[in-house]
Amino acid sequence: MLILAGLGNPEAKYQSNRHNIGFAAMDAIARRWAFAPGKKRFHSLTAEGSIDTPAGPVRALLMKPQTFYNGSGQAIGEAVKFFKLTPADVVVFHDEIDLAPGRLRMKAGGGAAGNNGVRSITAHIGDGFRRARLGVGHPGDKAMVQHYVLSDFYKDELAWLEALLGAVADAAPYLAAGDDERFQAEVMRLAPAEKADPKKRGERSDD
C-alpha cells in the first residue's frame, strides 16, 4: 500500500487557497485513475484505488486530512500504523513558497523549513517520507506569507495550476513505482512552468 496525502484545510472557505493545493492534487489523481468514491477514515477524506505501472498496478490510499494543515500528522500517522507502513511508503503533497509557481520538486526527508504540516507529520511517523513540493511562489515579504498562502489563487494563475495538477495525475505511475526523479521530470515536461514573476499580483480566482 502506498499513501498519497495532500495537505490543506478542510472547511469550504479554504478550498481555493494556495495552502490547499495538496488537496487539489489528490482530487486530480483520484479522477485520472478512477479511484473509489471517498469516505471518512483516519480523520481524513480517503479514496482507495490503484495506479498502473510497468510492473503492474500499485494499490494506493489517497488522503485529505481533516485535522487542519498544521495537524496533518495525526491523520497520516493513524493510516501508517493501521497498514504497518514505513515513512518511505508515504508521499506528501504540499504547497511550497520557495518554488516558483507551477514548479515541482521531490524531496525525501530533511527539515520542515518552517512548514508546520510537514513538522507535524515528522513528529508522528518520523523522517524519511517523500515530499512532492508544489510551487506557489512567494509574496515577496515574510510578513505576508500567512495571508498569501491562505488566499485564493488569482485568475491568471489558474492556467499553470490546472496544467500542473493534470501533469501530476498523468505522471503518477512513476511516483507509484518509486521513481521520484522520473516523476519530477515528467511533471515538468508535461507542464513546463511559466517564467512569471512569483510576486506578481492579479485577480483572485473568485473575483
N, C-alpha and C. Protein backbone atom coordinates (compact mmCIF):
# COMPACT_ATOMS: atom_id res chain seq x y z
N MET A 1 0.84 -1.20 0.00
CA MET A 1 0.00 0.00 0.00
C MET A 1 0.88 1.25 0.00
N LEU A 2 0.53 2.19 -0.85
CA LEU A 2 1.20 3.48 -0.91
C LEU A 2 0.21 4.53 -0.43
N ILE A 3 0.65 5.41 0.46
CA ILE A 3 -0.20 6.52 0.90
C ILE A 3 0.22 7.78 0.18
N LEU A 4 -0.75 8.41 -0.48
CA LEU A 4 -0.55 9.72 -1.07
C LEU A 4 -1.41 10.69 -0.28
N ALA A 5 -0.79 11.63 0.40
CA ALA A 5 -1.52 12.54 1.28
C ALA A 5 -1.32 13.98 0.82
N GLY A 6 -2.42 14.67 0.61
CA GLY A 6 -2.36 16.08 0.25
C GLY A 6 -2.67 16.93 1.47
N LEU A 7 -1.91 17.99 1.67
CA LEU A 7 -2.16 18.86 2.81
C LEU A 7 -3.08 20.01 2.44
N GLY A 8 -3.89 20.41 3.42
CA GLY A 8 -4.82 21.51 3.21
C GLY A 8 -5.67 21.71 4.45
N ASN A 9 -6.62 22.61 4.35
CA ASN A 9 -7.57 22.86 5.43
C ASN A 9 -8.96 22.43 4.99
N PRO A 10 -9.75 21.83 5.88
CA PRO A 10 -10.98 21.16 5.48
C PRO A 10 -12.21 22.03 5.22
N GLU A 11 -12.29 23.22 5.71
CA GLU A 11 -13.51 23.99 5.56
C GLU A 11 -13.62 24.58 4.15
N ALA A 12 -14.88 24.77 3.71
CA ALA A 12 -15.14 25.23 2.35
C ALA A 12 -14.46 26.56 2.04
N LYS A 13 -14.34 27.42 3.03
CA LYS A 13 -13.75 28.74 2.79
C LYS A 13 -12.27 28.67 2.40
N TYR A 14 -11.63 27.54 2.66
CA TYR A 14 -10.21 27.38 2.32
C TYR A 14 -10.00 26.65 0.99
N GLN A 15 -11.07 26.21 0.36
CA GLN A 15 -10.97 25.28 -0.76
C GLN A 15 -10.03 25.74 -1.87
N SER A 16 -10.08 27.02 -2.23
CA SER A 16 -9.27 27.52 -3.35
C SER A 16 -7.99 28.22 -2.91
N ASN A 17 -7.64 28.07 -1.65
CA ASN A 17 -6.40 28.68 -1.13
C ASN A 17 -5.15 28.01 -1.72
N ARG A 18 -4.07 28.75 -1.77
CA ARG A 18 -2.79 28.15 -2.18
C ARG A 18 -2.38 27.03 -1.22
N HIS A 19 -2.71 27.20 0.05
CA HIS A 19 -2.38 26.18 1.06
C HIS A 19 -3.07 24.85 0.77
N ASN A 20 -4.12 24.85 -0.04
CA ASN A 20 -4.89 23.64 -0.32
C ASN A 20 -4.53 22.98 -1.64
N ILE A 21 -3.42 23.33 -2.22
CA ILE A 21 -3.03 22.72 -3.49
C ILE A 21 -2.79 21.22 -3.33
N GLY A 22 -2.40 20.79 -2.12
CA GLY A 22 -2.24 19.35 -1.88
C GLY A 22 -3.56 18.60 -1.99
N PHE A 23 -4.63 19.18 -1.47
CA PHE A 23 -5.96 18.58 -1.62
C PHE A 23 -6.33 18.48 -3.11
N ALA A 24 -6.04 19.56 -3.86
CA ALA A 24 -6.36 19.58 -5.28
C ALA A 24 -5.61 18.49 -6.04
N ALA A 25 -4.37 18.22 -5.64
CA ALA A 25 -3.60 17.16 -6.28
C ALA A 25 -4.23 15.80 -6.05
N MET A 26 -4.76 15.57 -4.83
CA MET A 26 -5.43 14.31 -4.55
C MET A 26 -6.67 14.15 -5.42
N ASP A 27 -7.42 15.22 -5.58
CA ASP A 27 -8.62 15.16 -6.42
C ASP A 27 -8.26 14.83 -7.86
N ALA A 28 -7.17 15.42 -8.36
CA ALA A 28 -6.76 15.18 -9.73
C ALA A 28 -6.33 13.72 -9.94
N ILE A 29 -5.60 13.17 -9.00
CA ILE A 29 -5.18 11.77 -9.11
C ILE A 29 -6.38 10.84 -9.02
N ALA A 30 -7.31 11.14 -8.12
CA ALA A 30 -8.50 10.30 -7.97
C ALA A 30 -9.31 10.26 -9.27
N ARG A 31 -9.45 11.41 -9.93
CA ARG A 31 -10.20 11.46 -11.19
C ARG A 31 -9.47 10.69 -12.29
N ARG A 32 -8.18 10.92 -12.41
CA ARG A 32 -7.41 10.32 -13.51
C ARG A 32 -7.37 8.80 -13.42
N TRP A 33 -7.29 8.27 -12.20
CA TRP A 33 -7.13 6.83 -12.02
C TRP A 33 -8.39 6.16 -11.48
N ALA A 34 -9.52 6.85 -11.57
CA ALA A 34 -10.84 6.30 -11.24
C ALA A 34 -10.85 5.61 -9.88
N PHE A 35 -10.39 6.34 -8.86
CA PHE A 35 -10.41 5.79 -7.51
C PHE A 35 -11.85 5.67 -7.02
N ALA A 36 -12.05 4.80 -6.04
CA ALA A 36 -13.37 4.60 -5.46
C ALA A 36 -13.86 5.90 -4.82
N PRO A 37 -15.17 6.07 -4.69
CA PRO A 37 -15.69 7.26 -4.02
C PRO A 37 -15.08 7.41 -2.63
N GLY A 38 -14.86 8.65 -2.24
CA GLY A 38 -14.21 8.91 -0.97
C GLY A 38 -15.07 8.56 0.23
N LYS A 39 -14.40 8.29 1.34
CA LYS A 39 -15.11 8.04 2.60
C LYS A 39 -14.26 8.57 3.74
N LYS A 40 -14.89 8.77 4.88
CA LYS A 40 -14.19 9.29 6.04
C LYS A 40 -13.48 8.15 6.77
N ARG A 41 -12.20 8.34 6.98
CA ARG A 41 -11.38 7.31 7.63
C ARG A 41 -10.09 7.96 8.08
N PHE A 42 -9.55 7.54 9.20
CA PHE A 42 -8.29 8.08 9.72
C PHE A 42 -8.33 9.61 9.86
N HIS A 43 -9.44 10.15 10.33
CA HIS A 43 -9.59 11.61 10.45
C HIS A 43 -9.30 12.30 9.12
N SER A 44 -9.70 11.65 8.02
CA SER A 44 -9.42 12.16 6.68
C SER A 44 -10.57 11.82 5.75
N LEU A 45 -10.59 12.49 4.62
CA LEU A 45 -11.37 12.03 3.48
C LEU A 45 -10.41 11.17 2.67
N THR A 46 -10.77 9.92 2.45
CA THR A 46 -9.87 8.99 1.78
C THR A 46 -10.51 8.37 0.55
N ALA A 47 -9.69 7.88 -0.35
CA ALA A 47 -10.15 7.15 -1.52
C ALA A 47 -9.12 6.08 -1.82
N GLU A 48 -9.59 4.88 -2.11
CA GLU A 48 -8.69 3.77 -2.44
C GLU A 48 -8.77 3.43 -3.91
N GLY A 49 -7.66 2.97 -4.44
CA GLY A 49 -7.63 2.57 -5.83
C GLY A 49 -6.26 2.05 -6.19
N SER A 50 -5.97 2.02 -7.47
CA SER A 50 -4.66 1.56 -7.91
C SER A 50 -4.17 2.43 -9.07
N ILE A 51 -2.87 2.50 -9.18
CA ILE A 51 -2.21 3.26 -10.25
C ILE A 51 -1.38 2.28 -11.05
N ASP A 52 -1.59 2.25 -12.35
CA ASP A 52 -0.88 1.31 -13.21
C ASP A 52 0.57 1.72 -13.40
N THR A 53 1.47 0.76 -13.27
CA THR A 53 2.89 0.97 -13.53
C THR A 53 3.36 -0.14 -14.47
N PRO A 54 4.54 0.01 -15.08
CA PRO A 54 5.04 -1.06 -15.95
C PRO A 54 5.15 -2.41 -15.25
N ALA A 55 5.32 -2.38 -13.92
CA ALA A 55 5.45 -3.64 -13.18
C ALA A 55 4.10 -4.15 -12.67
N GLY A 56 3.04 -3.42 -12.99
CA GLY A 56 1.72 -3.84 -12.54
C GLY A 56 1.08 -2.76 -11.68
N PRO A 57 -0.19 -2.95 -11.33
CA PRO A 57 -0.89 -1.93 -10.53
C PRO A 57 -0.36 -1.85 -9.11
N VAL A 58 -0.33 -0.64 -8.59
CA VAL A 58 0.09 -0.39 -7.21
C VAL A 58 -1.11 0.15 -6.44
N ARG A 59 -1.46 -0.51 -5.35
CA ARG A 59 -2.56 -0.04 -4.52
C ARG A 59 -2.17 1.24 -3.81
N ALA A 60 -3.10 2.16 -3.73
CA ALA A 60 -2.81 3.44 -3.09
C ALA A 60 -4.02 3.94 -2.32
N LEU A 61 -3.73 4.65 -1.26
CA LEU A 61 -4.75 5.32 -0.46
C LEU A 61 -4.49 6.81 -0.57
N LEU A 62 -5.47 7.55 -1.09
CA LEU A 62 -5.37 9.00 -1.14
C LEU A 62 -5.98 9.55 0.13
N MET A 63 -5.31 10.52 0.73
CA MET A 63 -5.77 11.11 1.98
C MET A 63 -5.82 12.63 1.90
N LYS A 64 -6.92 13.20 2.40
CA LYS A 64 -7.03 14.63 2.63
C LYS A 64 -7.34 14.80 4.11
N PRO A 65 -6.31 14.94 4.95
CA PRO A 65 -6.53 15.04 6.39
C PRO A 65 -7.50 16.17 6.75
N GLN A 66 -8.40 15.86 7.67
CA GLN A 66 -9.40 16.84 8.12
C GLN A 66 -9.02 17.44 9.47
N THR A 67 -7.78 17.27 9.86
CA THR A 67 -7.28 17.75 11.15
C THR A 67 -6.66 19.15 11.03
N PHE A 68 -6.89 19.80 9.89
CA PHE A 68 -6.29 21.08 9.55
C PHE A 68 -4.80 20.89 9.24
N TYR A 69 -4.31 21.80 8.42
CA TYR A 69 -2.97 21.69 7.85
C TYR A 69 -1.90 21.38 8.89
N ASN A 70 -1.89 22.16 9.96
CA ASN A 70 -0.80 22.03 10.94
C ASN A 70 -0.90 20.78 11.80
N GLY A 71 -2.01 20.06 11.73
CA GLY A 71 -2.16 18.82 12.48
C GLY A 71 -2.23 17.59 11.60
N SER A 72 -1.72 17.69 10.38
CA SER A 72 -1.84 16.60 9.40
C SER A 72 -1.20 15.30 9.87
N GLY A 73 -0.21 15.38 10.72
CA GLY A 73 0.49 14.18 11.16
C GLY A 73 -0.39 13.20 11.92
N GLN A 74 -1.38 13.70 12.64
CA GLN A 74 -2.27 12.82 13.39
C GLN A 74 -2.98 11.85 12.45
N ALA A 75 -3.56 12.39 11.37
CA ALA A 75 -4.30 11.56 10.43
C ALA A 75 -3.38 10.59 9.69
N ILE A 76 -2.27 11.09 9.18
CA ILE A 76 -1.36 10.24 8.41
C ILE A 76 -0.74 9.18 9.31
N GLY A 77 -0.45 9.56 10.55
CA GLY A 77 0.10 8.59 11.50
C GLY A 77 -0.84 7.43 11.75
N GLU A 78 -2.14 7.70 11.84
CA GLU A 78 -3.12 6.63 12.05
C GLU A 78 -3.11 5.65 10.88
N ALA A 79 -3.05 6.16 9.66
CA ALA A 79 -3.06 5.29 8.49
C ALA A 79 -1.77 4.47 8.40
N VAL A 80 -0.65 5.10 8.67
CA VAL A 80 0.64 4.38 8.63
C VAL A 80 0.64 3.24 9.64
N LYS A 81 0.13 3.50 10.84
CA LYS A 81 0.08 2.46 11.87
C LYS A 81 -0.86 1.34 11.48
N PHE A 82 -2.02 1.68 10.93
CA PHE A 82 -3.02 0.66 10.56
C PHE A 82 -2.47 -0.29 9.49
N PHE A 83 -1.82 0.26 8.48
CA PHE A 83 -1.32 -0.56 7.37
C PHE A 83 0.09 -1.09 7.61
N LYS A 84 0.67 -0.74 8.78
CA LYS A 84 2.02 -1.20 9.13
C LYS A 84 3.04 -0.79 8.06
N LEU A 85 3.03 0.49 7.73
CA LEU A 85 3.90 1.02 6.70
C LEU A 85 5.10 1.75 7.30
N THR A 86 6.02 2.12 6.46
CA THR A 86 7.18 2.91 6.85
C THR A 86 7.03 4.32 6.26
N PRO A 87 7.81 5.28 6.74
CA PRO A 87 7.74 6.63 6.15
C PRO A 87 7.97 6.63 4.63
N ALA A 88 8.79 5.73 4.13
CA ALA A 88 9.08 5.69 2.70
C ALA A 88 7.86 5.30 1.87
N ASP A 89 6.83 4.76 2.52
CA ASP A 89 5.59 4.40 1.82
C ASP A 89 4.60 5.56 1.75
N VAL A 90 5.04 6.72 2.18
CA VAL A 90 4.16 7.90 2.24
C VAL A 90 4.71 9.01 1.35
N VAL A 91 3.83 9.56 0.50
CA VAL A 91 4.18 10.74 -0.30
C VAL A 91 3.25 11.86 0.11
N VAL A 92 3.81 12.97 0.53
CA VAL A 92 3.04 14.13 1.00
C VAL A 92 3.12 15.24 -0.04
N PHE A 93 1.98 15.71 -0.49
CA PHE A 93 1.89 16.81 -1.46
C PHE A 93 1.56 18.09 -0.69
N HIS A 94 2.39 19.11 -0.85
CA HIS A 94 2.12 20.36 -0.14
C HIS A 94 2.62 21.56 -0.93
N ASP A 95 2.06 22.73 -0.60
CA ASP A 95 2.48 23.97 -1.23
C ASP A 95 3.89 24.33 -0.79
N GLU A 96 4.61 24.99 -1.69
CA GLU A 96 5.99 25.38 -1.40
C GLU A 96 6.21 26.82 -1.88
N ILE A 97 6.36 27.75 -0.94
CA ILE A 97 6.54 29.15 -1.31
C ILE A 97 7.93 29.43 -1.85
N ASP A 98 8.89 28.56 -1.60
CA ASP A 98 10.26 28.78 -2.07
C ASP A 98 10.49 28.21 -3.46
N LEU A 99 9.42 27.78 -4.13
CA LEU A 99 9.50 27.37 -5.53
C LEU A 99 8.61 28.30 -6.35
N ALA A 100 9.05 28.60 -7.55
CA ALA A 100 8.25 29.45 -8.44
C ALA A 100 6.92 28.77 -8.76
N PRO A 101 5.89 29.55 -9.06
CA PRO A 101 4.59 28.97 -9.39
C PRO A 101 4.67 27.94 -10.51
N GLY A 102 4.04 26.79 -10.27
CA GLY A 102 3.98 25.74 -11.28
C GLY A 102 5.14 24.77 -11.28
N ARG A 103 6.15 25.01 -10.44
CA ARG A 103 7.28 24.08 -10.36
C ARG A 103 6.96 22.95 -9.39
N LEU A 104 7.61 21.83 -9.57
CA LEU A 104 7.50 20.70 -8.64
C LEU A 104 8.88 20.16 -8.36
N ARG A 105 9.14 19.90 -7.10
CA ARG A 105 10.40 19.28 -6.71
C ARG A 105 10.11 18.19 -5.69
N MET A 106 10.73 17.03 -5.90
CA MET A 106 10.59 15.93 -4.96
C MET A 106 11.72 15.98 -3.93
N LYS A 107 11.41 15.54 -2.73
CA LYS A 107 12.39 15.53 -1.65
C LYS A 107 12.05 14.40 -0.70
N ALA A 108 13.05 13.72 -0.20
CA ALA A 108 12.84 12.67 0.80
C ALA A 108 13.56 13.07 2.07
N GLY A 109 12.81 13.16 3.16
CA GLY A 109 13.41 13.52 4.43
C GLY A 109 13.81 14.98 4.47
N GLY A 110 14.62 15.33 5.42
CA GLY A 110 15.08 16.70 5.56
C GLY A 110 14.20 17.50 6.51
N GLY A 111 14.59 18.74 6.76
CA GLY A 111 13.88 19.58 7.69
C GLY A 111 12.55 20.09 7.15
N ALA A 112 11.76 20.66 8.05
CA ALA A 112 10.43 21.15 7.68
C ALA A 112 10.48 22.52 7.01
N ALA A 113 11.58 23.26 7.19
CA ALA A 113 11.75 24.59 6.59
C ALA A 113 10.56 25.49 6.89
N GLY A 114 10.08 25.42 8.14
CA GLY A 114 9.00 26.29 8.56
C GLY A 114 7.61 25.81 8.22
N ASN A 115 7.49 24.66 7.56
CA ASN A 115 6.17 24.13 7.20
C ASN A 115 5.63 23.31 8.37
N ASN A 116 4.61 23.82 9.04
CA ASN A 116 4.10 23.16 10.23
C ASN A 116 3.40 21.84 9.93
N GLY A 117 2.83 21.71 8.75
CA GLY A 117 2.23 20.43 8.37
C GLY A 117 3.28 19.34 8.26
N VAL A 118 4.39 19.66 7.61
CA VAL A 118 5.49 18.70 7.48
C VAL A 118 6.06 18.38 8.86
N ARG A 119 6.19 19.39 9.70
CA ARG A 119 6.70 19.17 11.05
C ARG A 119 5.79 18.22 11.83
N SER A 120 4.49 18.37 11.69
CA SER A 120 3.53 17.51 12.38
C SER A 120 3.65 16.06 11.90
N ILE A 121 3.83 15.88 10.60
CA ILE A 121 3.96 14.52 10.06
C ILE A 121 5.23 13.86 10.57
N THR A 122 6.32 14.60 10.59
CA THR A 122 7.58 14.07 11.10
C THR A 122 7.44 13.64 12.56
N ALA A 123 6.71 14.43 13.34
CA ALA A 123 6.51 14.10 14.75
C ALA A 123 5.73 12.81 14.94
N HIS A 124 4.85 12.48 13.99
CA HIS A 124 4.00 11.29 14.14
C HIS A 124 4.57 10.03 13.48
N ILE A 125 5.28 10.18 12.35
CA ILE A 125 5.76 8.96 11.67
C ILE A 125 7.27 8.93 11.50
N GLY A 126 7.95 10.00 11.89
CA GLY A 126 9.39 10.05 11.72
C GLY A 126 9.79 10.65 10.38
N ASP A 127 11.07 10.79 10.18
CA ASP A 127 11.62 11.39 8.97
C ASP A 127 11.65 10.32 7.86
N GLY A 128 11.90 10.76 6.64
CA GLY A 128 12.10 9.81 5.55
C GLY A 128 10.92 9.68 4.61
N PHE A 129 9.80 10.33 4.90
CA PHE A 129 8.68 10.26 3.95
C PHE A 129 9.02 11.15 2.74
N ARG A 130 8.36 10.86 1.64
CA ARG A 130 8.63 11.54 0.38
C ARG A 130 7.73 12.77 0.26
N ARG A 131 8.27 13.84 -0.28
CA ARG A 131 7.52 15.09 -0.36
C ARG A 131 7.46 15.58 -1.80
N ALA A 132 6.25 15.83 -2.28
CA ALA A 132 6.03 16.46 -3.58
C ALA A 132 5.73 17.93 -3.31
N ARG A 133 6.72 18.76 -3.51
CA ARG A 133 6.62 20.19 -3.18
C ARG A 133 6.10 20.94 -4.41
N LEU A 134 4.92 21.53 -4.27
CA LEU A 134 4.23 22.19 -5.37
C LEU A 134 4.41 23.70 -5.25
N GLY A 135 5.14 24.29 -6.19
CA GLY A 135 5.48 25.70 -6.10
C GLY A 135 4.28 26.62 -6.27
N VAL A 136 4.15 27.56 -5.34
CA VAL A 136 3.09 28.58 -5.43
C VAL A 136 3.67 29.99 -5.44
N GLY A 137 4.99 30.10 -5.34
CA GLY A 137 5.62 31.41 -5.33
C GLY A 137 5.60 32.06 -3.96
N HIS A 138 6.34 33.14 -3.84
CA HIS A 138 6.50 33.86 -2.57
C HIS A 138 5.91 35.26 -2.71
N PRO A 139 5.25 35.77 -1.68
CA PRO A 139 4.67 37.11 -1.79
C PRO A 139 5.70 38.23 -1.79
N GLY A 140 6.95 37.92 -1.47
CA GLY A 140 8.00 38.91 -1.51
C GLY A 140 8.30 39.55 -0.17
N ASP A 141 7.48 39.26 0.82
CA ASP A 141 7.66 39.83 2.16
C ASP A 141 7.29 38.75 3.16
N LYS A 142 8.23 38.41 4.04
CA LYS A 142 7.99 37.35 5.01
C LYS A 142 6.74 37.59 5.84
N ALA A 143 6.45 38.86 6.14
CA ALA A 143 5.30 39.19 6.96
C ALA A 143 3.97 38.89 6.26
N MET A 144 4.02 38.72 4.93
CA MET A 144 2.80 38.48 4.16
C MET A 144 2.54 37.02 3.87
N VAL A 145 3.46 36.13 4.27
CA VAL A 145 3.37 34.73 3.88
C VAL A 145 2.07 34.07 4.34
N GLN A 146 1.69 34.24 5.59
CA GLN A 146 0.49 33.58 6.09
C GLN A 146 -0.75 34.02 5.32
N HIS A 147 -0.88 35.32 5.12
CA HIS A 147 -2.03 35.82 4.34
C HIS A 147 -1.99 35.28 2.92
N TYR A 148 -0.81 35.22 2.33
CA TYR A 148 -0.66 34.78 0.94
C TYR A 148 -1.10 33.33 0.76
N VAL A 149 -0.61 32.43 1.60
CA VAL A 149 -0.95 31.01 1.41
C VAL A 149 -2.41 30.72 1.77
N LEU A 150 -3.01 31.56 2.60
CA LEU A 150 -4.41 31.39 2.96
C LEU A 150 -5.33 32.23 2.09
N SER A 151 -4.81 32.73 0.97
CA SER A 151 -5.60 33.45 -0.02
C SER A 151 -5.80 32.56 -1.24
N ASP A 152 -6.87 32.85 -1.99
CA ASP A 152 -7.17 32.07 -3.19
C ASP A 152 -6.19 32.38 -4.31
N PHE A 153 -6.04 31.41 -5.21
CA PHE A 153 -5.27 31.64 -6.43
C PHE A 153 -5.94 32.74 -7.25
N TYR A 154 -5.13 33.54 -7.93
CA TYR A 154 -5.67 34.54 -8.83
C TYR A 154 -6.11 33.89 -10.14
N LYS A 155 -6.99 34.58 -10.86
CA LYS A 155 -7.47 34.03 -12.13
C LYS A 155 -6.33 33.76 -13.11
N ASP A 156 -5.33 34.65 -13.12
CA ASP A 156 -4.24 34.46 -14.08
C ASP A 156 -3.26 33.38 -13.66
N GLU A 157 -3.50 32.73 -12.53
CA GLU A 157 -2.69 31.60 -12.09
C GLU A 157 -3.35 30.26 -12.44
N LEU A 158 -4.61 30.28 -12.83
CA LEU A 158 -5.35 29.03 -13.00
C LEU A 158 -4.83 28.18 -14.15
N ALA A 159 -4.28 28.80 -15.19
CA ALA A 159 -3.77 28.01 -16.32
C ALA A 159 -2.62 27.12 -15.89
N TRP A 160 -1.62 27.71 -15.20
CA TRP A 160 -0.50 26.86 -14.77
C TRP A 160 -0.92 25.88 -13.68
N LEU A 161 -1.87 26.28 -12.83
CA LEU A 161 -2.32 25.40 -11.76
C LEU A 161 -2.98 24.15 -12.34
N GLU A 162 -3.90 24.35 -13.29
CA GLU A 162 -4.58 23.20 -13.89
C GLU A 162 -3.61 22.32 -14.66
N ALA A 163 -2.65 22.94 -15.35
CA ALA A 163 -1.65 22.15 -16.08
C ALA A 163 -0.80 21.32 -15.12
N LEU A 164 -0.40 21.92 -14.00
CA LEU A 164 0.42 21.22 -13.02
C LEU A 164 -0.34 20.05 -12.42
N LEU A 165 -1.58 20.26 -12.03
CA LEU A 165 -2.37 19.18 -11.42
C LEU A 165 -2.61 18.05 -12.41
N GLY A 166 -2.87 18.39 -13.66
CA GLY A 166 -3.06 17.35 -14.68
C GLY A 166 -1.80 16.55 -14.90
N ALA A 167 -0.65 17.23 -14.89
CA ALA A 167 0.63 16.55 -15.09
C ALA A 167 0.94 15.63 -13.92
N VAL A 168 0.65 16.08 -12.70
CA VAL A 168 0.86 15.24 -11.51
C VAL A 168 0.06 13.95 -11.63
N ALA A 169 -1.18 14.06 -12.07
CA ALA A 169 -2.02 12.87 -12.20
C ALA A 169 -1.52 11.95 -13.31
N ASP A 170 -1.15 12.52 -14.46
CA ASP A 170 -0.70 11.70 -15.58
C ASP A 170 0.64 11.02 -15.30
N ALA A 171 1.50 11.68 -14.52
CA ALA A 171 2.83 11.12 -14.23
C ALA A 171 2.84 10.22 -13.00
N ALA A 172 1.70 10.04 -12.37
CA ALA A 172 1.63 9.28 -11.12
C ALA A 172 2.21 7.86 -11.20
N PRO A 173 2.17 7.17 -12.36
CA PRO A 173 2.78 5.83 -12.40
C PRO A 173 4.25 5.82 -11.98
N TYR A 174 5.01 6.85 -12.31
CA TYR A 174 6.41 6.91 -11.90
C TYR A 174 6.52 7.06 -10.39
N LEU A 175 5.63 7.86 -9.82
CA LEU A 175 5.62 8.03 -8.37
C LEU A 175 5.28 6.70 -7.69
N ALA A 176 4.25 6.02 -8.21
CA ALA A 176 3.83 4.74 -7.63
C ALA A 176 4.92 3.68 -7.74
N ALA A 177 5.74 3.79 -8.78
CA ALA A 177 6.82 2.83 -8.99
C ALA A 177 8.05 3.17 -8.15
N GLY A 178 8.01 4.30 -7.44
CA GLY A 178 9.13 4.68 -6.59
C GLY A 178 10.22 5.47 -7.28
N ASP A 179 9.96 5.90 -8.52
CA ASP A 179 10.95 6.64 -9.28
C ASP A 179 10.62 8.14 -9.19
N ASP A 180 10.99 8.75 -8.07
CA ASP A 180 10.64 10.14 -7.82
C ASP A 180 11.33 11.09 -8.81
N GLU A 181 12.55 10.77 -9.19
CA GLU A 181 13.27 11.63 -10.13
C GLU A 181 12.57 11.66 -11.49
N ARG A 182 12.14 10.50 -11.96
CA ARG A 182 11.43 10.44 -13.24
C ARG A 182 10.06 11.12 -13.13
N PHE A 183 9.40 10.95 -12.01
CA PHE A 183 8.11 11.62 -11.78
C PHE A 183 8.29 13.13 -11.88
N GLN A 184 9.27 13.66 -11.20
CA GLN A 184 9.52 15.11 -11.22
C GLN A 184 9.79 15.58 -12.65
N ALA A 185 10.64 14.86 -13.36
CA ALA A 185 10.99 15.25 -14.72
C ALA A 185 9.77 15.19 -15.64
N GLU A 186 8.94 14.18 -15.47
CA GLU A 186 7.77 14.03 -16.33
C GLU A 186 6.73 15.12 -16.07
N VAL A 187 6.54 15.47 -14.80
CA VAL A 187 5.61 16.55 -14.48
C VAL A 187 6.07 17.84 -15.12
N MET A 188 7.36 18.14 -15.04
CA MET A 188 7.86 19.38 -15.60
C MET A 188 7.88 19.35 -17.13
N ARG A 189 7.95 18.16 -17.71
CA ARG A 189 7.85 18.05 -19.18
C ARG A 189 6.42 18.31 -19.63
N LEU A 190 5.46 17.75 -18.90
CA LEU A 190 4.05 17.88 -19.28
C LEU A 190 3.49 19.26 -18.96
N ALA A 191 4.03 19.90 -17.92
CA ALA A 191 3.53 21.22 -17.51
C ALA A 191 4.69 22.15 -17.22
N PRO A 192 5.43 22.55 -18.25
CA PRO A 192 6.56 23.45 -18.01
C PRO A 192 6.06 24.75 -17.39
N ALA A 193 6.66 25.12 -16.29
CA ALA A 193 6.20 26.30 -15.55
C ALA A 193 6.48 27.56 -16.36
N GLU A 194 5.57 28.53 -16.25
CA GLU A 194 5.74 29.81 -16.90
C GLU A 194 6.90 30.57 -16.24
N LYS A 195 7.42 31.51 -16.95
CA LYS A 195 8.50 32.34 -16.43
C LYS A 195 7.95 33.58 -15.73
N ALA A 196 6.79 33.40 -15.10
CA ALA A 196 6.11 34.53 -14.47
C ALA A 196 6.81 34.96 -13.20
N ASP A 197 6.65 36.23 -12.86
CA ASP A 197 7.17 36.77 -11.62
C ASP A 197 6.36 36.20 -10.46
N PRO A 198 6.98 35.45 -9.53
CA PRO A 198 6.22 34.86 -8.43
C PRO A 198 5.59 35.90 -7.51
N LYS A 199 6.05 37.15 -7.62
CA LYS A 199 5.48 38.21 -6.77
C LYS A 199 4.35 38.97 -7.47
N LYS A 200 4.04 38.57 -8.68
CA LYS A 200 3.02 39.28 -9.46
C LYS A 200 1.66 39.18 -8.80
N ARG A 201 0.93 40.27 -8.83
CA ARG A 201 -0.43 40.29 -8.31
C ARG A 201 -1.41 40.25 -9.49
N GLY A 202 -2.54 39.66 -9.26
CA GLY A 202 -3.58 39.61 -10.29
C GLY A 202 -4.93 39.53 -9.67
N GLU A 203 -5.91 39.07 -10.42
CA GLU A 203 -7.26 38.93 -9.89
C GLU A 203 -7.40 37.61 -9.19
N ARG A 204 -8.14 37.58 -8.10
CA ARG A 204 -8.40 36.32 -7.41
C ARG A 204 -9.31 35.46 -8.26
N SER A 205 -9.21 34.12 -8.04
CA SER A 205 -10.00 33.19 -8.84
C SER A 205 -11.48 33.32 -8.58
N ASP A 206 -11.87 33.94 -7.46
CA ASP A 206 -13.28 34.07 -7.16
C ASP A 206 -13.82 35.47 -7.46
N ASP A 207 -13.02 36.32 -8.13
CA ASP A 207 -13.49 37.66 -8.46
C ASP A 207 -14.47 37.61 -9.64
